């Protein structure tokens, strides 16, 4: 799940810590089989588990507690 942290949760560097749905689906596809349909299914599962907070503009951010756990290696 570190790849996801780097996509939508990284607090450091020039990134804003947010990504749109397509960015996340692309990251999932890149790190898995490369199958976009499967990546969309994985995204839907993560979204159903409320892994993401949605910004007002629709961009996604990792849920704060999950982001904190990933940043500390926990």
PDB file of N, CA and C in Angstrom:
ATOM      1  N   UNK A   1       0.819  -1.184   0.000  1.00  0.00           N
ATOM      2  CA  UNK A   1       0.000   0.000   0.000  1.00  0.00           C
ATOM      3  C   UNK A   1       0.870   1.257   0.000  1.00  0.00           C
ATOM      4  N   UNK A   2       2.159   1.101   0.102  1.00  0.00           N
ATOM      5  CA  UNK A   2       3.061   2.251   0.067  1.00  0.00           C
ATOM      6  C   UNK A   2       2.909   3.008  -1.248  1.00  0.00           C
ATOM      7  N   UNK A   3       2.698   2.313  -2.353  1.00  0.00           N
ATOM      8  CA  UNK A   3       2.504   2.989  -3.642  1.00  0.00           C
ATOM      9  C   UNK A   3       1.316   3.928  -3.571  1.00  0.00           C
ATOM     10  N   UNK A   4       0.281   3.549  -2.845  1.00  0.00           N
ATOM     11  CA  UNK A   4      -0.889   4.403  -2.706  1.00  0.00           C
ATOM     12  C   UNK A   4      -0.539   5.630  -1.878  1.00  0.00           C
ATOM     13  N   UNK A   5       0.231   5.433  -0.829  1.00  0.00           N
ATOM     14  CA  UNK A   5       0.672   6.555  -0.001  1.00  0.00           C
ATOM     15  C   UNK A   5       1.432   7.561  -0.852  1.00  0.00           C
ATOM     16  N   UNK A   6       2.303   7.070  -1.708  1.00  0.00           N
ATOM     17  CA  UNK A   6       3.063   7.960  -2.577  1.00  0.00           C
ATOM     18  C   UNK A   6       2.195   8.686  -3.578  1.00  0.00           C
ATOM     19  N   UNK A   7       1.069   8.108  -3.915  1.00  0.00           N
ATOM     20  CA  UNK A   7       0.184   8.720  -4.897  1.00  0.00           C
ATOM     21  C   UNK A   7      -0.720   9.767  -4.282  1.00  0.00           C
ATOM     22  N   UNK A   8      -1.352   9.460  -3.155  1.00  0.00           N
ATOM     23  CA  UNK A   8      -2.343  10.384  -2.615  1.00  0.00           C
ATOM     24  C   UNK A   8      -2.092  10.823  -1.175  1.00  0.00           C
ATOM     25  N   UNK A   9      -0.997  10.434  -0.598  1.00  0.00           N
ATOM     26  CA  UNK A   9      -0.842  10.781   0.797  1.00  0.00           C
ATOM     27  C   UNK A   9       0.475  11.371   1.201  1.00  0.00           C
ATOM     28  N   UNK A  10       1.394  11.476   0.295  1.00  0.00           N
ATOM     29  CA  UNK A  10       2.725  11.938   0.647  1.00  0.00           C
ATOM     30  C   UNK A  10       2.701  13.389   1.102  1.00  0.00           C
ATOM     31  N   UNK A  11       3.060  13.656   2.355  1.00  0.00           N
ATOM     32  CA  UNK A  11       3.005  15.030   2.848  1.00  0.00           C
ATOM     33  C   UNK A  11       4.224  15.854   2.458  1.00  0.00           C
ATOM     34  N   UNK A  12       5.261  15.233   1.945  1.00  0.00           N
ATOM     35  CA  UNK A  12       6.511  15.943   1.670  1.00  0.00           C
ATOM     36  C   UNK A  12       6.651  16.242   0.181  1.00  0.00           C
ATOM     37  N   UNK A  13       7.520  17.151  -0.123  1.00  0.00           N
ATOM     38  CA  UNK A  13       7.834  17.445  -1.508  1.00  0.00           C
ATOM     39  C   UNK A  13       6.773  18.287  -2.181  1.00  0.00           C
ATOM     40  N   UNK A  14       6.824  18.360  -3.513  1.00  0.00           N
ATOM     41  CA  UNK A  14       5.927  19.252  -4.240  1.00  0.00           C
ATOM     42  C   UNK A  14       4.500  18.727  -4.350  1.00  0.00           C
ATOM     43  N   UNK A  15       4.260  17.516  -3.946  1.00  0.00           N
ATOM     44  CA  UNK A  15       2.921  16.956  -4.065  1.00  0.00           C
ATOM     45  C   UNK A  15       1.970  17.624  -3.098  1.00  0.00           C
ATOM     46  N   UNK A  16       0.721  17.650  -3.486  1.00  0.00           N
ATOM     47  CA  UNK A  16      -0.292  18.271  -2.638  1.00  0.00           C
ATOM     48  C   UNK A  16      -0.896  17.275  -1.672  1.00  0.00           C
ATOM     49  N   UNK A  17      -0.598  15.990  -1.847  1.00  0.00           N
ATOM     50  CA  UNK A  17      -1.210  14.978  -1.005  1.00  0.00           C
ATOM     51  C   UNK A  17      -2.554  14.525  -1.519  1.00  0.00           C
ATOM     52  N   UNK A  18      -2.952  15.038  -2.692  1.00  0.00           N
ATOM     53  CA  UNK A  18      -4.225  14.643  -3.271  1.00  0.00           C
ATOM     54  C   UNK A  18      -4.019  14.109  -4.676  1.00  0.00           C
ATOM     55  N   UNK A  19      -4.999  13.373  -5.146  1.00  0.00           N
ATOM     56  CA  UNK A  19      -4.971  12.837  -6.502  1.00  0.00           C
ATOM     57  C   UNK A  19      -6.407  12.656  -6.955  1.00  0.00           C
ATOM     58  N   UNK A  20      -6.603  12.618  -8.260  1.00  0.00           N
ATOM     59  CA  UNK A  20      -7.953  12.323  -8.720  1.00  0.00           C
ATOM     60  C   UNK A  20      -8.113  10.815  -8.893  1.00  0.00           C
ATOM     61  N   UNK A  21      -9.318  10.399  -9.140  1.00  0.00           N
ATOM     62  CA  UNK A  21      -9.620   8.976  -9.250  1.00  0.00           C
ATOM     63  C   UNK A  21      -8.755   8.298 -10.306  1.00  0.00           C
ATOM     64  N   UNK A  22      -8.574   8.936 -11.442  1.00  0.00           N
ATOM     65  CA  UNK A  22      -7.789   8.336 -12.524  1.00  0.00           C
ATOM     66  C   UNK A  22      -6.330   8.149 -12.119  1.00  0.00           C
ATOM     67  N   UNK A  23      -5.769   9.084 -11.360  1.00  0.00           N
ATOM     68  CA  UNK A  23      -4.396   8.946 -10.865  1.00  0.00           C
ATOM     69  C   UNK A  23      -4.271   7.703  -9.991  1.00  0.00           C
ATOM     70  N   UNK A  24      -5.248   7.517  -9.119  1.00  0.00           N
ATOM     71  CA  UNK A  24      -5.211   6.377  -8.200  1.00  0.00           C
ATOM     72  C   UNK A  24      -5.387   5.072  -8.972  1.00  0.00           C
ATOM     73  N   UNK A  25      -6.332   5.029  -9.902  1.00  0.00           N
ATOM     74  CA  UNK A  25      -6.541   3.817 -10.706  1.00  0.00           C
ATOM     75  C   UNK A  25      -5.282   3.489 -11.501  1.00  0.00           C
ATOM     76  N   UNK A  26      -4.633   4.500 -12.058  1.00  0.00           N
ATOM     77  CA  UNK A  26      -3.388   4.276 -12.805  1.00  0.00           C
ATOM     78  C   UNK A  26      -2.299   3.717 -11.902  1.00  0.00           C
ATOM     79  N   UNK A  27      -2.178   4.261 -10.684  1.00  0.00           N
ATOM     80  CA  UNK A  27      -1.171   3.758  -9.731  1.00  0.00           C
ATOM     81  C   UNK A  27      -1.456   2.305  -9.359  1.00  0.00           C
ATOM     82  N   UNK A  28      -2.714   1.980  -9.151  1.00  0.00           N
ATOM     83  CA  UNK A  28      -3.079   0.600  -8.813  1.00  0.00           C
ATOM     84  C   UNK A  28      -2.747  -0.321  -9.972  1.00  0.00           C
ATOM     85  N   UNK A  29      -3.109   0.081 -11.181  1.00  0.00           N
ATOM     86  CA  UNK A  29      -2.827  -0.745 -12.355  1.00  0.00           C
ATOM     87  C   UNK A  29      -1.327  -0.943 -12.535  1.00  0.00           C
ATOM     88  N   UNK A  30      -0.555   0.110 -12.311  1.00  0.00           N
ATOM     89  CA  UNK A  30       0.902   0.035 -12.453  1.00  0.00           C
ATOM     90  C   UNK A  30       1.505  -0.963 -11.469  1.00  0.00           C
ATOM     91  N   UNK A  31       1.011  -0.966 -10.250  1.00  0.00           N
ATOM     92  CA  UNK A  31       1.580  -1.827  -9.213  1.00  0.00           C
ATOM     93  C   UNK A  31       1.010  -3.243  -9.205  1.00  0.00           C
ATOM     94  N   UNK A  32      -0.042  -3.473  -9.963  1.00  0.00           N
ATOM     95  CA  UNK A  32      -0.636  -4.813 -10.002  1.00  0.00           C
ATOM     96  C   UNK A  32      -0.440  -5.388 -11.393  1.00  0.00           C
ATOM     97  N   UNK A  33      -1.433  -5.989 -11.916  1.00  0.00           N
ATOM     98  CA  UNK A  33      -1.329  -6.695 -13.194  1.00  0.00           C
ATOM     99  C   UNK A  33      -1.322  -5.783 -14.407  1.00  0.00           C
ATOM    100  N   UNK A  34      -1.629  -4.524 -14.226  1.00  0.00           N
ATOM    101  CA  UNK A  34      -1.721  -3.614 -15.352  1.00  0.00           C
ATOM    102  C   UNK A  34      -3.093  -3.612 -15.992  1.00  0.00           C
ATOM    103  N   UNK A  35      -4.001  -4.398 -15.454  1.00  0.00           N
ATOM    104  CA  UNK A  35      -5.361  -4.508 -15.978  1.00  0.00           C
ATOM    105  C   UNK A  35      -6.206  -3.375 -15.399  1.00  0.00           C
ATOM    106  N   UNK A  36      -6.656  -2.467 -16.260  1.00  0.00           N
ATOM    107  CA  UNK A  36      -7.407  -1.304 -15.788  1.00  0.00           C
ATOM    108  C   UNK A  36      -8.736  -1.701 -15.149  1.00  0.00           C
ATOM    109  N   UNK A  37      -9.393  -2.706 -15.682  1.00  0.00           N
ATOM    110  CA  UNK A  37     -10.663  -3.150 -15.107  1.00  0.00           C
ATOM    111  C   UNK A  37     -10.455  -3.664 -13.672  1.00  0.00           C
ATOM    112  N   UNK A  38      -9.391  -4.446 -13.487  1.00  0.00           N
ATOM    113  CA  UNK A  38      -9.071  -4.939 -12.138  1.00  0.00           C
ATOM    114  C   UNK A  38      -8.700  -3.773 -11.219  1.00  0.00           C
ATOM    115  N   UNK A  39      -7.953  -2.820 -11.750  1.00  0.00           N
ATOM    116  CA  UNK A  39      -7.558  -1.658 -10.950  1.00  0.00           C
ATOM    117  C   UNK A  39      -8.786  -0.870 -10.505  1.00  0.00           C
ATOM    118  N   UNK A  40      -9.774  -0.736 -11.374  1.00  0.00           N
ATOM    119  CA  UNK A  40     -11.004  -0.033 -10.997  1.00  0.00           C
ATOM    120  C   UNK A  40     -11.762  -0.792  -9.907  1.00  0.00           C
ATOM    121  N   UNK A  41     -11.738  -2.123  -9.980  1.00  0.00           N
ATOM    122  CA  UNK A  41     -12.378  -2.938  -8.952  1.00  0.00           C
ATOM    123  C   UNK A  41     -11.662  -2.743  -7.605  1.00  0.00           C
ATOM    124  N   UNK A  42     -10.329  -2.765  -7.627  1.00  0.00           N
ATOM    125  CA  UNK A  42      -9.543  -2.549  -6.408  1.00  0.00           C
ATOM    126  C   UNK A  42      -9.844  -1.157  -5.845  1.00  0.00           C
ATOM    127  N   UNK A  43      -9.877  -0.154  -6.718  1.00  0.00           N
ATOM    128  CA  UNK A  43     -10.199   1.204  -6.262  1.00  0.00           C
ATOM    129  C   UNK A  43     -11.575   1.237  -5.610  1.00  0.00           C
ATOM    130  N   UNK A  44     -12.556   0.588  -6.226  1.00  0.00           N
ATOM    131  CA  UNK A  44     -13.910   0.569  -5.669  1.00  0.00           C
ATOM    132  C   UNK A  44     -13.919  -0.064  -4.274  1.00  0.00           C
ATOM    133  N   UNK A  45     -13.136  -1.120  -4.088  1.00  0.00           N
ATOM    134  CA  UNK A  45     -13.036  -1.759  -2.769  1.00  0.00           C
ATOM    135  C   UNK A  45     -12.411  -0.813  -1.750  1.00  0.00           C
ATOM    136  N   UNK A  46     -11.315  -0.159  -2.113  1.00  0.00           N
ATOM    137  CA  UNK A  46     -10.661   0.791  -1.211  1.00  0.00           C
ATOM    138  C   UNK A  46     -11.603   1.946  -0.870  1.00  0.00           C
ATOM    139  N   UNK A  47     -12.310   2.428  -1.867  1.00  0.00           N
ATOM    140  CA  UNK A  47     -13.248   3.519  -1.652  1.00  0.00           C
ATOM    141  C   UNK A  47     -14.384   3.077  -0.720  1.00  0.00           C
ATOM    142  N   UNK A  48     -14.863   1.869  -0.891  1.00  0.00           N
ATOM    143  CA  UNK A  48     -15.924   1.343  -0.026  1.00  0.00           C
ATOM    144  C   UNK A  48     -15.450   1.200   1.419  1.00  0.00           C
ATOM    145  N   UNK A  49     -14.170   0.937   1.591  1.00  0.00           N
ATOM    146  CA  UNK A  49     -13.603   0.825   2.946  1.00  0.00           C
ATOM    147  C   UNK A  49     -13.250   2.199   3.520  1.00  0.00           C
ATOM    148  N   UNK A  50     -13.591   3.239   2.805  1.00  0.00           N
ATOM    149  CA  UNK A  50     -13.370   4.624   3.216  1.00  0.00           C
ATOM    150  C   UNK A  50     -11.901   4.931   3.474  1.00  0.00           C
ATOM    151  N   UNK A  51     -11.056   4.426   2.584  1.00  0.00           N
ATOM    152  CA  UNK A  51      -9.623   4.687   2.650  1.00  0.00           C
ATOM    153  C   UNK A  51      -9.332   6.145   2.281  1.00  0.00           C
ATOM    154  N   UNK A  52     -10.217   6.761   1.508  1.00  0.00           N
ATOM    155  CA  UNK A  52      -9.993   8.109   1.004  1.00  0.00           C
ATOM    156  C   UNK A  52     -10.946   9.114   1.632  1.00  0.00           C
ATOM    157  N   UNK A  53     -10.428  10.307   1.854  1.00  0.00           N
ATOM    158  CA  UNK A  53     -11.264  11.467   2.136  1.00  0.00           C
ATOM    159  C   UNK A  53     -11.376  12.221   0.817  1.00  0.00           C
ATOM    160  N   UNK A  54     -12.521  12.795   0.569  1.00  0.00           N
ATOM    161  CA  UNK A  54     -12.721  13.563  -0.667  1.00  0.00           C
ATOM    162  C   UNK A  54     -12.679  15.050  -0.352  1.00  0.00           C
ATOM    163  N   UNK A  55     -11.856  15.749  -1.112  1.00  0.00           N
ATOM    164  CA  UNK A  55     -11.772  17.199  -0.984  1.00  0.00           C
ATOM    165  C   UNK A  55     -13.003  17.828  -1.649  1.00  0.00           C
ATOM    166  N   UNK A  56     -13.221  19.103  -1.425  1.00  0.00           N
ATOM    167  CA  UNK A  56     -14.358  19.792  -2.036  1.00  0.00           C
ATOM    168  C   UNK A  56     -14.323  19.741  -3.556  1.00  0.00           C
ATOM    169  N   UNK A  57     -13.121  19.723  -4.124  1.00  0.00           N
ATOM    170  CA  UNK A  57     -12.990  19.690  -5.582  1.00  0.00           C
ATOM    171  C   UNK A  57     -13.038  18.270  -6.147  1.00  0.00           C
ATOM    172  N   UNK A  58     -13.293  17.284  -5.279  1.00  0.00           N
ATOM    173  CA  UNK A  58     -13.411  15.899  -5.726  1.00  0.00           C
ATOM    174  C   UNK A  58     -12.117  15.111  -5.686  1.00  0.00           C
ATOM    175  N   UNK A  59     -11.014  15.785  -5.398  1.00  0.00           N
ATOM    176  CA  UNK A  59      -9.741  15.070  -5.324  1.00  0.00           C
ATOM    177  C   UNK A  59      -9.717  14.214  -4.068  1.00  0.00           C
ATOM    178  N   UNK A  60      -8.897  13.180  -4.108  1.00  0.00           N
ATOM    179  CA  UNK A  60      -8.828  12.205  -3.023  1.00  0.00           C
ATOM    180  C   UNK A  60      -7.584  12.416  -2.174  1.00  0.00           C
ATOM    181  N   UNK A  61      -7.727  12.126  -0.901  1.00  0.00           N
ATOM    182  CA  UNK A  61      -6.613  12.181   0.036  1.00  0.00           C
ATOM    183  C   UNK A  61      -6.764  10.958   0.938  1.00  0.00           C
ATOM    184  N   UNK A  62      -5.656  10.322   1.286  1.00  0.00           N
ATOM    185  CA  UNK A  62      -5.765   9.201   2.215  1.00  0.00           C
ATOM    186  C   UNK A  62      -6.385   9.664   3.518  1.00  0.00           C
ATOM    187  N   UNK A  63      -7.176   8.830   4.101  1.00  0.00           N
ATOM    188  CA  UNK A  63      -7.793   9.107   5.398  1.00  0.00           C
ATOM    189  C   UNK A  63      -6.656   9.425   6.380  1.00  0.00           C
ATOM    190  N   UNK A  64      -6.806  10.449   7.221  1.00  0.00           N
ATOM    191  CA  UNK A  64      -5.695  10.933   8.057  1.00  0.00           C
ATOM    192  C   UNK A  64      -5.025   9.876   8.940  1.00  0.00           C
ATOM    193  N   UNK A  65      -5.785   9.028   9.601  1.00  0.00           N
ATOM    194  CA  UNK A  65      -5.172   8.023  10.467  1.00  0.00           C
ATOM    195  C   UNK A  65      -4.368   7.015   9.643  1.00  0.00           C
ATOM    196  N   UNK A  66      -4.896   6.600   8.506  1.00  0.00           N
ATOM    197  CA  UNK A  66      -4.162   5.685   7.629  1.00  0.00           C
ATOM    198  C   UNK A  66      -2.886   6.347   7.123  1.00  0.00           C
ATOM    199  N   UNK A  67      -2.977   7.616   6.726  1.00  0.00           N
ATOM    200  CA  UNK A  67      -1.799   8.347   6.254  1.00  0.00           C
ATOM    201  C   UNK A  67      -0.734   8.403   7.347  1.00  0.00           C
ATOM    202  N   UNK A  68      -1.170   8.648   8.592  1.00  0.00           N
ATOM    203  CA  UNK A  68      -0.219   8.716   9.710  1.00  0.00           C
ATOM    204  C   UNK A  68       0.445   7.359   9.931  1.00  0.00           C
ATOM    205  N   UNK A  69      -0.332   6.293   9.886  1.00  0.00           N
ATOM    206  CA  UNK A  69       0.228   4.943  10.069  1.00  0.00           C
ATOM    207  C   UNK A  69       1.258   4.627   8.992  1.00  0.00           C
ATOM    208  N   UNK A  70       0.939   4.964   7.743  1.00  0.00           N
ATOM    209  CA  UNK A  70       1.870   4.691   6.646  1.00  0.00           C
ATOM    210  C   UNK A  70       3.132   5.523   6.758  1.00  0.00           C
ATOM    211  N   UNK A  71       2.999   6.761   7.229  1.00  0.00           N
ATOM    212  CA  UNK A  71       4.172   7.638   7.309  1.00  0.00           C
ATOM    213  C   UNK A  71       5.128   7.205   8.426  1.00  0.00           C
ATOM    214  N   UNK A  72       4.617   6.507   9.436  1.00  0.00           N
ATOM    215  CA  UNK A  72       5.463   6.052  10.542  1.00  0.00           C
ATOM    216  C   UNK A  72       5.884   4.598  10.381  1.00  0.00           C
ATOM    217  N   UNK A  73       5.437   3.982   9.301  1.00  0.00           N
ATOM    218  CA  UNK A  73       5.796   2.583   9.071  1.00  0.00           C
ATOM    219  C   UNK A  73       4.947   1.612   9.862  1.00  0.00           C
ATOM    220  N   UNK A  74       3.915   2.106  10.527  1.00  0.00           N
ATOM    221  CA  UNK A  74       3.062   1.272  11.365  1.00  0.00           C
ATOM    222  C   UNK A  74       1.944   0.738  10.611  1.00  0.00           C
TER     223      UNK A  74
END
